[in-house]
PDB file of all heavy atoms in Angstrom:
ATOM      1  N   ASP A   1       1.417  17.512 -21.641  1.00  0.00           N
ATOM      2  CA  ASP A   1       2.072  16.873 -22.767  1.00  0.00           C
ATOM      3  C   ASP A   1       1.815  15.366 -22.800  1.00  0.00           C
ATOM      4  O   ASP A   1       1.578  14.784 -23.867  1.00  0.00           O
ATOM      5  CB  ASP A   1       3.577  17.140 -22.705  1.00  0.00           C
ATOM      6  CG  ASP A   1       4.316  16.652 -23.941  1.00  0.00           C
ATOM      7  OD1 ASP A   1       3.949  17.063 -25.046  1.00  0.00           O
ATOM      8  OD2 ASP A   1       5.256  15.837 -23.783  1.00  0.00           O
ATOM      9  N   THR A   2       1.824  14.745 -21.620  1.00  0.00           N
ATOM     10  CA  THR A   2       1.557  13.299 -21.519  1.00  0.00           C
ATOM     11  C   THR A   2       0.167  12.976 -22.043  1.00  0.00           C
ATOM     12  O   THR A   2      -0.016  12.020 -22.814  1.00  0.00           O
ATOM     13  CB  THR A   2       1.691  12.828 -20.064  1.00  0.00           C
ATOM     14  OG1 THR A   2       3.043  13.016 -19.633  1.00  0.00           O
ATOM     15  CG2 THR A   2       1.326  11.352 -19.925  1.00  0.00           C
ATOM     16  N   MET A   3      -0.816  13.742 -21.627  1.00  0.00           N
ATOM     17  CA  MET A   3      -2.193  13.506 -22.069  1.00  0.00           C
ATOM     18  C   MET A   3      -2.366  13.808 -23.558  1.00  0.00           C
ATOM     19  O   MET A   3      -3.084  13.112 -24.264  1.00  0.00           O
ATOM     20  CB  MET A   3      -3.166  14.356 -21.236  1.00  0.00           C
ATOM     21  CG  MET A   3      -3.254  13.923 -19.794  1.00  0.00           C
ATOM     22  SD  MET A   3      -3.875  12.239 -19.633  1.00  0.00           S
ATOM     23  CE  MET A   3      -2.967  11.672 -18.199  1.00  0.00           C
ATOM     24  N   LYS A   4      -1.659  14.829 -24.034  1.00  0.00           N
ATOM     25  CA  LYS A   4      -1.767  15.222 -25.436  1.00  0.00           C
ATOM     26  C   LYS A   4      -1.246  14.131 -26.364  1.00  0.00           C
ATOM     27  O   LYS A   4      -1.743  13.937 -27.478  1.00  0.00           O
ATOM     28  CB  LYS A   4      -1.000  16.523 -25.665  1.00  0.00           C
ATOM     29  CG  LYS A   4      -1.167  17.111 -27.048  1.00  0.00           C
ATOM     30  CD  LYS A   4      -0.427  18.443 -27.163  1.00  0.00           C
ATOM     31  CE  LYS A   4      -0.583  19.045 -28.551  1.00  0.00           C
ATOM     32  NZ  LYS A   4       0.148  20.333 -28.664  1.00  0.00           N
ATOM     33  N   LYS A   5      -0.251  13.384 -25.911  1.00  0.00           N
ATOM     34  CA  LYS A   5       0.359  12.344 -26.731  1.00  0.00           C
ATOM     35  C   LYS A   5      -0.523  11.095 -26.845  1.00  0.00           C
ATOM     36  O   LYS A   5      -0.292  10.250 -27.700  1.00  0.00           O
ATOM     37  CB  LYS A   5       1.718  11.954 -26.161  1.00  0.00           C
ATOM     38  CG  LYS A   5       2.782  13.021 -26.358  1.00  0.00           C
ATOM     39  CD  LYS A   5       4.095  12.622 -25.707  1.00  0.00           C
ATOM     40  CE  LYS A   5       5.159  13.688 -25.914  1.00  0.00           C
ATOM     41  NZ  LYS A   5       6.426  13.337 -25.225  1.00  0.00           N
ATOM     42  N   MET A   6      -1.521  10.981 -25.967  1.00  0.00           N
ATOM     43  CA  MET A   6      -2.436   9.839 -26.012  1.00  0.00           C
ATOM     44  C   MET A   6      -3.589  10.119 -26.965  1.00  0.00           C
ATOM     45  O   MET A   6      -3.997  11.276 -27.150  1.00  0.00           O
ATOM     46  CB  MET A   6      -3.026   9.563 -24.622  1.00  0.00           C
ATOM     47  CG  MET A   6      -2.050   9.129 -23.569  1.00  0.00           C
ATOM     48  SD  MET A   6      -2.964   8.795 -22.011  1.00  0.00           S
ATOM     49  CE  MET A   6      -1.599   8.482 -20.887  1.00  0.00           C
ATOM     50  N   SER A   7      -4.153   9.055 -27.539  1.00  0.00           N
ATOM     51  CA  SER A   7      -5.398   9.180 -28.283  1.00  0.00           C
ATOM     52  C   SER A   7      -6.561   9.252 -27.289  1.00  0.00           C
ATOM     53  O   SER A   7      -6.377   8.965 -26.093  1.00  0.00           O
ATOM     54  CB  SER A   7      -5.587   7.978 -29.203  1.00  0.00           C
ATOM     55  OG  SER A   7      -5.760   6.794 -28.439  1.00  0.00           O
ATOM     56  N   VAL A   8      -7.736   9.612 -27.764  1.00  0.00           N
ATOM     57  CA  VAL A   8      -8.915   9.637 -26.885  1.00  0.00           C
ATOM     58  C   VAL A   8      -9.142   8.259 -26.277  1.00  0.00           C
ATOM     59  O   VAL A   8      -9.411   8.129 -25.074  1.00  0.00           O
ATOM     60  CB  VAL A   8     -10.173  10.098 -27.654  1.00  0.00           C
ATOM     61  CG1 VAL A   8     -11.420   9.952 -26.779  1.00  0.00           C
ATOM     62  CG2 VAL A   8     -10.019  11.537 -28.117  1.00  0.00           C
ATOM     63  N   LYS A   9      -9.009   7.227 -27.105  1.00  0.00           N
ATOM     64  CA  LYS A   9      -9.196   5.856 -26.630  1.00  0.00           C
ATOM     65  C   LYS A   9      -8.188   5.503 -25.555  1.00  0.00           C
ATOM     66  O   LYS A   9      -8.523   4.856 -24.545  1.00  0.00           O
ATOM     67  CB  LYS A   9      -9.080   4.877 -27.802  1.00  0.00           C
ATOM     68  CG  LYS A   9      -9.406   3.438 -27.432  1.00  0.00           C
ATOM     69  CD  LYS A   9      -9.376   2.540 -28.662  1.00  0.00           C
ATOM     70  CE  LYS A   9      -9.711   1.093 -28.277  1.00  0.00           C
ATOM     71  NZ  LYS A   9      -9.697   0.209 -29.492  1.00  0.00           N
ATOM     72  N   GLU A  10      -6.952   5.924 -25.723  1.00  0.00           N
ATOM     73  CA  GLU A  10      -5.912   5.653 -24.722  1.00  0.00           C
ATOM     74  C   GLU A  10      -6.188   6.413 -23.427  1.00  0.00           C
ATOM     75  O   GLU A  10      -5.974   5.880 -22.326  1.00  0.00           O
ATOM     76  CB  GLU A  10      -4.550   6.026 -25.277  1.00  0.00           C
ATOM     77  CG  GLU A  10      -4.036   5.056 -26.327  1.00  0.00           C
ATOM     78  CD  GLU A  10      -2.767   5.541 -27.007  1.00  0.00           C
ATOM     79  OE1 GLU A  10      -2.556   6.783 -27.101  1.00  0.00           O
ATOM     80  OE2 GLU A  10      -1.981   4.686 -27.462  1.00  0.00           O
ATOM     81  N   ARG A  11      -6.662   7.633 -23.548  1.00  0.00           N
ATOM     82  CA  ARG A  11      -6.993   8.400 -22.340  1.00  0.00           C
ATOM     83  C   ARG A  11      -8.165   7.762 -21.605  1.00  0.00           C
ATOM     84  O   ARG A  11      -8.190   7.721 -20.371  1.00  0.00           O
ATOM     85  CB  ARG A  11      -7.299   9.858 -22.696  1.00  0.00           C
ATOM     86  CG  ARG A  11      -6.064  10.658 -23.086  1.00  0.00           C
ATOM     87  CD  ARG A  11      -6.349  12.151 -23.143  1.00  0.00           C
ATOM     88  NE  ARG A  11      -7.195  12.525 -24.253  1.00  0.00           N
ATOM     89  CZ  ARG A  11      -6.753  12.900 -25.461  1.00  0.00           C
ATOM     90  NH1 ARG A  11      -5.451  12.936 -25.712  1.00  0.00           N
ATOM     91  NH2 ARG A  11      -7.605  13.255 -26.417  1.00  0.00           N
ATOM     92  N   GLN A  12      -9.142   7.248 -22.349  1.00  0.00           N
ATOM     93  CA  GLN A  12     -10.271   6.567 -21.711  1.00  0.00           C
ATOM     94  C   GLN A  12      -9.804   5.289 -21.016  1.00  0.00           C
ATOM     95  O   GLN A  12     -10.247   4.994 -19.902  1.00  0.00           O
ATOM     96  CB  GLN A  12     -11.347   6.256 -22.745  1.00  0.00           C
ATOM     97  CG  GLN A  12     -12.104   7.480 -23.225  1.00  0.00           C
ATOM     98  CD  GLN A  12     -13.172   7.145 -24.247  1.00  0.00           C
ATOM     99  OE1 GLN A  12     -13.252   6.032 -24.756  1.00  0.00           O
ATOM    100  NE2 GLN A  12     -14.016   8.117 -24.562  1.00  0.00           N
ATOM    101  N   GLN A  13      -8.917   4.539 -21.659  1.00  0.00           N
ATOM    102  CA  GLN A  13      -8.402   3.324 -21.039  1.00  0.00           C
ATOM    103  C   GLN A  13      -7.606   3.660 -19.781  1.00  0.00           C
ATOM    104  O   GLN A  13      -7.693   2.953 -18.781  1.00  0.00           O
ATOM    105  CB  GLN A  13      -7.521   2.546 -22.022  1.00  0.00           C
ATOM    106  CG  GLN A  13      -6.999   1.219 -21.468  1.00  0.00           C
ATOM    107  CD  GLN A  13      -8.128   0.285 -21.047  1.00  0.00           C
ATOM    108  OE1 GLN A  13      -9.029  -0.001 -21.840  1.00  0.00           O
ATOM    109  NE2 GLN A  13      -8.092  -0.189 -19.799  1.00  0.00           N
ATOM    110  N   TRP A  14      -6.857   4.729 -19.833  1.00  0.00           N
ATOM    111  CA  TRP A  14      -6.098   5.192 -18.661  1.00  0.00           C
ATOM    112  C   TRP A  14      -7.059   5.485 -17.512  1.00  0.00           C
ATOM    113  O   TRP A  14      -6.803   5.095 -16.366  1.00  0.00           O
ATOM    114  CB  TRP A  14      -5.308   6.443 -19.063  1.00  0.00           C
ATOM    115  CG  TRP A  14      -4.444   7.005 -17.989  1.00  0.00           C
ATOM    116  CD1 TRP A  14      -3.168   6.624 -17.651  1.00  0.00           C
ATOM    117  CD2 TRP A  14      -4.777   8.081 -17.106  1.00  0.00           C
ATOM    118  NE1 TRP A  14      -2.702   7.387 -16.609  1.00  0.00           N
ATOM    119  CE2 TRP A  14      -3.671   8.287 -16.256  1.00  0.00           C
ATOM    120  CE3 TRP A  14      -5.903   8.881 -16.946  1.00  0.00           C
ATOM    121  CZ2 TRP A  14      -3.658   9.271 -15.266  1.00  0.00           C
ATOM    122  CZ3 TRP A  14      -5.904   9.845 -15.967  1.00  0.00           C
ATOM    123  CH2 TRP A  14      -4.789  10.038 -15.144  1.00  0.00           C
ATOM    124  N   SER A  15      -8.171   6.127 -17.822  1.00  0.00           N
ATOM    125  CA  SER A  15      -9.168   6.415 -16.791  1.00  0.00           C
ATOM    126  C   SER A  15      -9.826   5.142 -16.271  1.00  0.00           C
ATOM    127  O   SER A  15     -10.116   5.022 -15.079  1.00  0.00           O
ATOM    128  CB  SER A  15     -10.238   7.373 -17.328  1.00  0.00           C
ATOM    129  OG  SER A  15      -9.715   8.669 -17.515  1.00  0.00           O
ATOM    130  N   LYS A  16     -10.086   4.182 -17.168  1.00  0.00           N
ATOM    131  CA  LYS A  16     -10.676   2.910 -16.742  1.00  0.00           C
ATOM    132  C   LYS A  16      -9.776   2.206 -15.732  1.00  0.00           C
ATOM    133  O   LYS A  16     -10.259   1.579 -14.781  1.00  0.00           O
ATOM    134  CB  LYS A  16     -10.923   1.998 -17.940  1.00  0.00           C
ATOM    135  CG  LYS A  16     -12.121   2.391 -18.782  1.00  0.00           C
ATOM    136  CD  LYS A  16     -12.329   1.412 -19.931  1.00  0.00           C
ATOM    137  CE  LYS A  16     -13.517   1.826 -20.798  1.00  0.00           C
ATOM    138  NZ  LYS A  16     -13.713   0.885 -21.926  1.00  0.00           N
ATOM    139  N   ASN A  17      -8.471   2.295 -15.936  1.00  0.00           N
ATOM    140  CA  ASN A  17      -7.547   1.688 -14.982  1.00  0.00           C
ATOM    141  C   ASN A  17      -7.740   2.284 -13.592  1.00  0.00           C
ATOM    142  O   ASN A  17      -7.676   1.576 -12.580  1.00  0.00           O
ATOM    143  CB  ASN A  17      -6.098   1.893 -15.433  1.00  0.00           C
ATOM    144  CG  ASN A  17      -5.772   1.165 -16.718  1.00  0.00           C
ATOM    145  OD1 ASN A  17      -6.483   0.242 -17.120  1.00  0.00           O
ATOM    146  ND2 ASN A  17      -4.701   1.567 -17.380  1.00  0.00           N
ATOM    147  N   GLN A  18      -7.997   3.584 -13.538  1.00  0.00           N
ATOM    148  CA  GLN A  18      -8.231   4.241 -12.253  1.00  0.00           C
ATOM    149  C   GLN A  18      -9.563   3.784 -11.643  1.00  0.00           C
ATOM    150  O   GLN A  18      -9.700   3.658 -10.426  1.00  0.00           O
ATOM    151  CB  GLN A  18      -8.239   5.771 -12.411  1.00  0.00           C
ATOM    152  CG  GLN A  18      -7.159   6.350 -13.305  1.00  0.00           C
ATOM    153  CD  GLN A  18      -5.778   5.818 -13.027  1.00  0.00           C
ATOM    154  OE1 GLN A  18      -5.306   5.822 -11.885  1.00  0.00           O
ATOM    155  NE2 GLN A  18      -5.102   5.350 -14.071  1.00  0.00           N
ATOM    156  N   ALA A  19     -10.544   3.536 -12.518  1.00  0.00           N
ATOM    157  CA  ALA A  19     -11.855   3.077 -12.049  1.00  0.00           C
ATOM    158  C   ALA A  19     -11.737   1.736 -11.333  1.00  0.00           C
ATOM    159  O   ALA A  19     -12.383   1.508 -10.305  1.00  0.00           O
ATOM    160  CB  ALA A  19     -12.831   2.979 -13.217  1.00  0.00           C
ATOM    161  N   TYR A  20     -10.895   0.841 -11.864  1.00  0.00           N
ATOM    162  CA  TYR A  20     -10.717  -0.465 -11.223  1.00  0.00           C
ATOM    163  C   TYR A  20     -10.017  -0.325  -9.872  1.00  0.00           C
ATOM    164  O   TYR A  20     -10.304  -1.079  -8.933  1.00  0.00           O
ATOM    165  CB  TYR A  20      -9.949  -1.406 -12.150  1.00  0.00           C
ATOM    166  CG  TYR A  20     -10.831  -2.064 -13.169  1.00  0.00           C
ATOM    167  CD1 TYR A  20     -11.037  -1.496 -14.422  1.00  0.00           C
ATOM    168  CD2 TYR A  20     -11.490  -3.258 -12.881  1.00  0.00           C
ATOM    169  CE1 TYR A  20     -11.867  -2.087 -15.361  1.00  0.00           C
ATOM    170  CE2 TYR A  20     -12.319  -3.854 -13.817  1.00  0.00           C
ATOM    171  CZ  TYR A  20     -12.501  -3.270 -15.053  1.00  0.00           C
ATOM    172  OH  TYR A  20     -13.332  -3.865 -15.974  1.00  0.00           O
ATOM    173  N   ILE A  21      -9.092   0.620  -9.772  1.00  0.00           N
ATOM    174  CA  ILE A  21      -8.454   0.874  -8.478  1.00  0.00           C
ATOM    175  C   ILE A  21      -9.509   1.300  -7.462  1.00  0.00           C
ATOM    176  O   ILE A  21      -9.533   0.830  -6.318  1.00  0.00           O
ATOM    177  CB  ILE A  21      -7.357   1.949  -8.605  1.00  0.00           C
ATOM    178  CG1 ILE A  21      -6.218   1.437  -9.485  1.00  0.00           C
ATOM    179  CG2 ILE A  21      -6.820   2.333  -7.226  1.00  0.00           C
ATOM    180  CD1 ILE A  21      -5.197   2.506  -9.855  1.00  0.00           C
ATOM    181  N   SER A  22     -10.407   2.184  -7.883  1.00  0.00           N
ATOM    182  CA  SER A  22     -11.451   2.666  -6.969  1.00  0.00           C
ATOM    183  C   SER A  22     -12.402   1.539  -6.578  1.00  0.00           C
ATOM    184  O   SER A  22     -12.873   1.490  -5.432  1.00  0.00           O
ATOM    185  CB  SER A  22     -12.229   3.829  -7.604  1.00  0.00           C
ATOM    186  OG  SER A  22     -13.088   3.393  -8.639  1.00  0.00           O
ATOM    187  N   LEU A  23     -12.691   0.646  -7.516  1.00  0.00           N
ATOM    188  CA  LEU A  23     -13.560  -0.492  -7.207  1.00  0.00           C
ATOM    189  C   LEU A  23     -12.943  -1.360  -6.120  1.00  0.00           C
ATOM    190  O   LEU A  23     -13.607  -1.721  -5.148  1.00  0.00           O
ATOM    191  CB  LEU A  23     -13.811  -1.322  -8.467  1.00  0.00           C
ATOM    192  CG  LEU A  23     -14.641  -2.600  -8.278  1.00  0.00           C
ATOM    193  CD1 LEU A  23     -16.089  -2.260  -7.926  1.00  0.00           C
ATOM    194  CD2 LEU A  23     -14.593  -3.471  -9.535  1.00  0.00           C
ATOM    195  N   GLY A  24     -11.663  -1.689  -6.281  1.00  0.00           N
ATOM    196  CA  GLY A  24     -10.995  -2.501  -5.271  1.00  0.00           C
ATOM    197  C   GLY A  24     -10.961  -1.814  -3.913  1.00  0.00           C
ATOM    198  O   GLY A  24     -11.180  -2.454  -2.870  1.00  0.00           O
ATOM    199  N   ASN A  25     -10.708  -0.517  -3.932  1.00  0.00           N
ATOM    200  CA  ASN A  25     -10.683   0.229  -2.677  1.00  0.00           C
ATOM    201  C   ASN A  25     -12.051   0.214  -1.999  1.00  0.00           C
ATOM    202  O   ASN A  25     -12.154  -0.026  -0.781  1.00  0.00           O
ATOM    203  CB  ASN A  25     -10.248   1.669  -2.947  1.00  0.00           C
ATOM    204  CG  ASN A  25     -10.033   2.463  -1.681  1.00  0.00           C
ATOM    205  OD1 ASN A  25      -9.458   1.977  -0.708  1.00  0.00           O
ATOM    206  ND2 ASN A  25     -10.495   3.695  -1.671  1.00  0.00           N
ATOM    207  N   LEU A  26     -13.104   0.444  -2.760  1.00  0.00           N
ATOM    208  CA  LEU A  26     -14.459   0.442  -2.204  1.00  0.00           C
ATOM    209  C   LEU A  26     -14.834  -0.918  -1.639  1.00  0.00           C
ATOM    210  O   LEU A  26     -15.443  -1.015  -0.563  1.00  0.00           O
ATOM    211  CB  LEU A  26     -15.476   0.849  -3.271  1.00  0.00           C
ATOM    212  CG  LEU A  26     -15.584   2.342  -3.571  1.00  0.00           C
ATOM    213  CD1 LEU A  26     -16.463   2.568  -4.802  1.00  0.00           C
ATOM    214  CD2 LEU A  26     -16.144   3.106  -2.376  1.00  0.00           C
ATOM    215  N   MET A  27     -14.478  -1.997  -2.342  1.00  0.00           N
ATOM    216  CA  MET A  27     -14.796  -3.336  -1.867  1.00  0.00           C
ATOM    217  C   MET A  27     -14.097  -3.635  -0.544  1.00  0.00           C
ATOM    218  O   MET A  27     -14.691  -4.241   0.359  1.00  0.00           O
ATOM    219  CB  MET A  27     -14.398  -4.373  -2.920  1.00  0.00           C
ATOM    220  CG  MET A  27     -15.274  -4.352  -4.158  1.00  0.00           C
ATOM    221  SD  MET A  27     -14.574  -5.328  -5.513  1.00  0.00           S
ATOM    222  CE  MET A  27     -14.551  -6.957  -4.750  1.00  0.00           C
ATOM    223  N   THR A  28     -12.852  -3.204  -0.427  1.00  0.00           N
ATOM    224  CA  THR A  28     -12.113  -3.426   0.816  1.00  0.00           C
ATOM    225  C   THR A  28     -12.720  -2.632   1.965  1.00  0.00           C
ATOM    226  O   THR A  28     -12.908  -3.156   3.072  1.00  0.00           O
ATOM    227  CB  THR A  28     -10.634  -3.052   0.634  1.00  0.00           C
ATOM    228  OG1 THR A  28     -10.065  -3.886  -0.379  1.00  0.00           O
ATOM    229  CG2 THR A  28      -9.860  -3.249   1.924  1.00  0.00           C
ATOM    230  N   VAL A  29     -13.032  -1.365   1.700  1.00  0.00           N
ATOM    231  CA  VAL A  29     -13.641  -0.538   2.753  1.00  0.00           C
ATOM    232  C   VAL A  29     -15.003  -1.102   3.144  1.00  0.00           C
ATOM    233  O   VAL A  29     -15.354  -1.129   4.333  1.00  0.00           O
ATOM    234  CB  VAL A  29     -13.751   0.933   2.287  1.00  0.00           C
ATOM    235  CG1 VAL A  29     -14.537   1.755   3.297  1.00  0.00           C
ATOM    236  CG2 VAL A  29     -12.368   1.523   2.091  1.00  0.00           C
ATOM    237  N   CYS A  30     -15.772  -1.570   2.175  1.00  0.00           N
ATOM    238  CA  CYS A  30     -17.051  -2.214   2.486  1.00  0.00           C
ATOM    239  C   CYS A  30     -16.837  -3.383   3.450  1.00  0.00           C
ATOM    240  O   CYS A  30     -17.547  -3.518   4.449  1.00  0.00           O
ATOM    241  CB  CYS A  30     -17.721  -2.725   1.210  1.00  0.00           C
ATOM    242  SG  CYS A  30     -18.624  -1.481   0.263  1.00  0.00           S
ATOM    243  N   ALA A  31     -15.867  -4.234   3.144  1.00  0.00           N
ATOM    244  CA  ALA A  31     -15.604  -5.398   3.987  1.00  0.00           C
ATOM    245  C   ALA A  31     -15.239  -4.978   5.409  1.00  0.00           C
ATOM    246  O   ALA A  31     -15.764  -5.519   6.387  1.00  0.00           O
ATOM    247  CB  ALA A  31     -14.487  -6.246   3.380  1.00  0.00           C
ATOM    248  N   VAL A  32     -14.365  -4.014   5.525  1.00  0.00           N
ATOM    249  CA  VAL A  32     -13.934  -3.543   6.845  1.00  0.00           C
ATOM    250  C   VAL A  32     -15.105  -2.960   7.632  1.00  0.00           C
ATOM    251  O   VAL A  32     -15.207  -3.126   8.849  1.00  0.00           O
ATOM    252  CB  VAL A  32     -12.804  -2.501   6.691  1.00  0.00           C
ATOM    253  CG1 VAL A  32     -12.505  -1.818   8.026  1.00  0.00           C
ATOM    254  CG2 VAL A  32     -11.534  -3.184   6.157  1.00  0.00           C
ATOM    255  N   GLU A  33     -16.024  -2.320   6.925  1.00  0.00           N
ATOM    256  CA  GLU A  33     -17.178  -1.689   7.569  1.00  0.00           C
ATOM    257  C   GLU A  33     -18.360  -2.640   7.741  1.00  0.00           C
ATOM    258  O   GLU A  33     -19.410  -2.237   8.248  1.00  0.00           O
ATOM    259  CB  GLU A  33     -17.632  -0.478   6.755  1.00  0.00           C
ATOM    260  CG  GLU A  33     -16.651   0.686   6.765  1.00  0.00           C
ATOM    261  CD  GLU A  33     -16.510   1.320   8.133  1.00  0.00           C
ATOM    262  OE1 GLU A  33     -17.521   1.361   8.877  1.00  0.00           O
ATOM    263  OE2 GLU A  33     -15.401   1.766   8.466  1.00  0.00           O
ATOM    264  N   GLY A  34     -18.201  -3.909   7.322  1.00  0.00           N
ATOM    265  CA  GLY A  34     -19.299  -4.873   7.457  1.00  0.00           C
ATOM    266  C   GLY A  34     -20.426  -4.623   6.469  1.00  0.00           C
ATOM    267  O   GLY A  34     -21.589  -4.941   6.741  1.00  0.00           O
ATOM    268  N   ILE A  35     -20.089  -4.072   5.311  1.00  0.00           N
ATOM    269  CA  ILE A  35     -21.063  -3.786   4.260  1.00  0.00           C
ATOM    270  C   ILE A  35     -20.853  -4.788   3.125  1.00  0.00           C
ATOM    271  O   ILE A  35     -19.713  -5.046   2.728  1.00  0.00           O
ATOM    272  CB  ILE A  35     -20.894  -2.350   3.728  1.00  0.00           C
ATOM    273  CG1 ILE A  35     -21.123  -1.330   4.843  1.00  0.00           C
ATOM    274  CG2 ILE A  35     -21.830  -2.080   2.552  1.00  0.00           C
ATOM    275  CD1 ILE A  35     -20.688   0.085   4.475  1.00  0.00           C
ATOM    276  N   ASP A  36     -21.927  -5.344   2.624  1.00  0.00           N
ATOM    277  CA  ASP A  36     -21.822  -6.286   1.513  1.00  0.00           C
ATOM    278  C   ASP A  36     -21.809  -5.543   0.179  1.00  0.00           C
ATOM    279  O   ASP A  36     -22.386  -4.461   0.045  1.00  0.00           O
ATOM    280  CB  ASP A  36     -22.986  -7.278   1.551  1.00  0.00           C
ATOM    281  CG  ASP A  36     -22.834  -8.277   2.684  1.00  0.00           C
ATOM    282  OD1 ASP A  36     -21.868  -9.058   2.654  1.00  0.00           O
ATOM    283  OD2 ASP A  36     -23.675  -8.260   3.606  1.00  0.00           O
ATOM    284  N   SER A  37     -21.167  -6.181  -0.792  1.00  0.00           N
ATOM    285  CA  SER A  37     -21.071  -5.568  -2.117  1.00  0.00           C
ATOM    286  C   SER A  37     -20.947  -6.654  -3.171  1.00  0.00           C
ATOM    287  O   SER A  37     -20.672  -7.814  -2.853  1.00  0.00           O
ATOM    288  CB  SER A  37     -19.861  -4.628  -2.190  1.00  0.00           C
ATOM    289  OG  SER A  37     -18.649  -5.363  -2.068  1.00  0.00           O
ATOM    290  N   CYS A  38     -21.144  -6.258  -4.422  1.00  0.00           N
ATOM    291  CA  CYS A  38     -21.014  -7.203  -5.534  1.00  0.00           C
ATOM    292  C   CYS A  38     -20.474  -6.471  -6.756  1.00  0.00           C
ATOM    293  O   CYS A  38     -21.216  -5.744  -7.417  1.00  0.00           O
ATOM    294  CB  CYS A  38     -22.354  -7.857  -5.855  1.00  0.00           C
ATOM    295  SG  CYS A  38     -22.224  -9.112  -7.162  1.00  0.00           S
ATOM    296  N   PRO A  39     -19.188  -6.623  -7.058  1.00  0.00           N
ATOM    297  CA  PRO A  39     -18.624  -5.946  -8.224  1.00  0.00           C
ATOM    298  C   PRO A  39     -19.200  -6.508  -9.510  1.00  0.00           C
ATOM    299  O   PRO A  39     -19.370  -7.713  -9.645  1.00  0.00           O
ATOM    300  CB  PRO A  39     -17.119  -6.248  -8.114  1.00  0.00           C
ATOM    301  CG  PRO A  39     -17.056  -7.549  -7.371  1.00  0.00           C
ATOM    302  CD  PRO A  39     -18.193  -7.496  -6.386  1.00  0.00           C
ATOM    303  N   MET A  40     -19.493  -5.632 -10.448  1.00  0.00           N
ATOM    304  CA  MET A  40     -20.125  -6.062 -11.699  1.00  0.00           C
ATOM    305  C   MET A  40     -19.495  -5.382 -12.910  1.00  0.00           C
ATOM    306  O   MET A  40     -19.436  -4.151 -12.986  1.00  0.00           O
ATOM    307  CB  MET A  40     -21.617  -5.723 -11.697  1.00  0.00           C
ATOM    308  CG  MET A  40     -22.455  -6.518 -10.747  1.00  0.00           C
ATOM    309  SD  MET A  40     -24.206  -6.036 -10.919  1.00  0.00           S
ATOM    310  CE  MET A  40     -24.970  -7.150  -9.752  1.00  0.00           C
ATOM    311  N   GLU A  41     -19.044  -6.207 -13.851  1.00  0.00           N
ATOM    312  CA  GLU A  41     -18.691  -5.737 -15.180  1.00  0.00           C
ATOM    313  C   GLU A  41     -19.794  -6.085 -16.172  1.00  0.00           C
ATOM    314  O   GLU A  41     -19.847  -5.523 -17.263  1.00  0.00           O
ATOM    315  CB  GLU A  41     -17.390  -6.392 -15.648  1.00  0.00           C
ATOM    316  CG  GLU A  41     -16.150  -6.008 -14.871  1.00  0.00           C
ATOM    317  CD  GLU A  41     -14.926  -6.734 -15.383  1.00  0.00           C
ATOM    318  OE1 GLU A  41     -14.898  -7.983 -15.324  1.00  0.00           O
ATOM    319  OE2 GLU A  41     -13.997  -6.043 -15.848  1.00  0.00           O
ATOM    320  N   GLY A  42     -20.656  -7.017 -15.775  1.00  0.00           N
ATOM    321  CA  GLY A  42     -21.686  -7.532 -16.665  1.00  0.00           C
ATOM    322  C   GLY A  42     -22.906  -6.632 -16.753  1.00  0.00           C
ATOM    323  O   GLY A  42     -23.908  -6.847 -16.051  1.00  0.00           O
TER     324      GLY A  42
END
């Protein structure tokens, strides 16, 4: 029901929010493991 009440655009934005969480998590794990990274939106 929650997903049904959203528009396609809203559902995509909701997913994008999760993507940023994963980016931050990956960057932190990279740092802990001594791996370099470069986040890019561009």
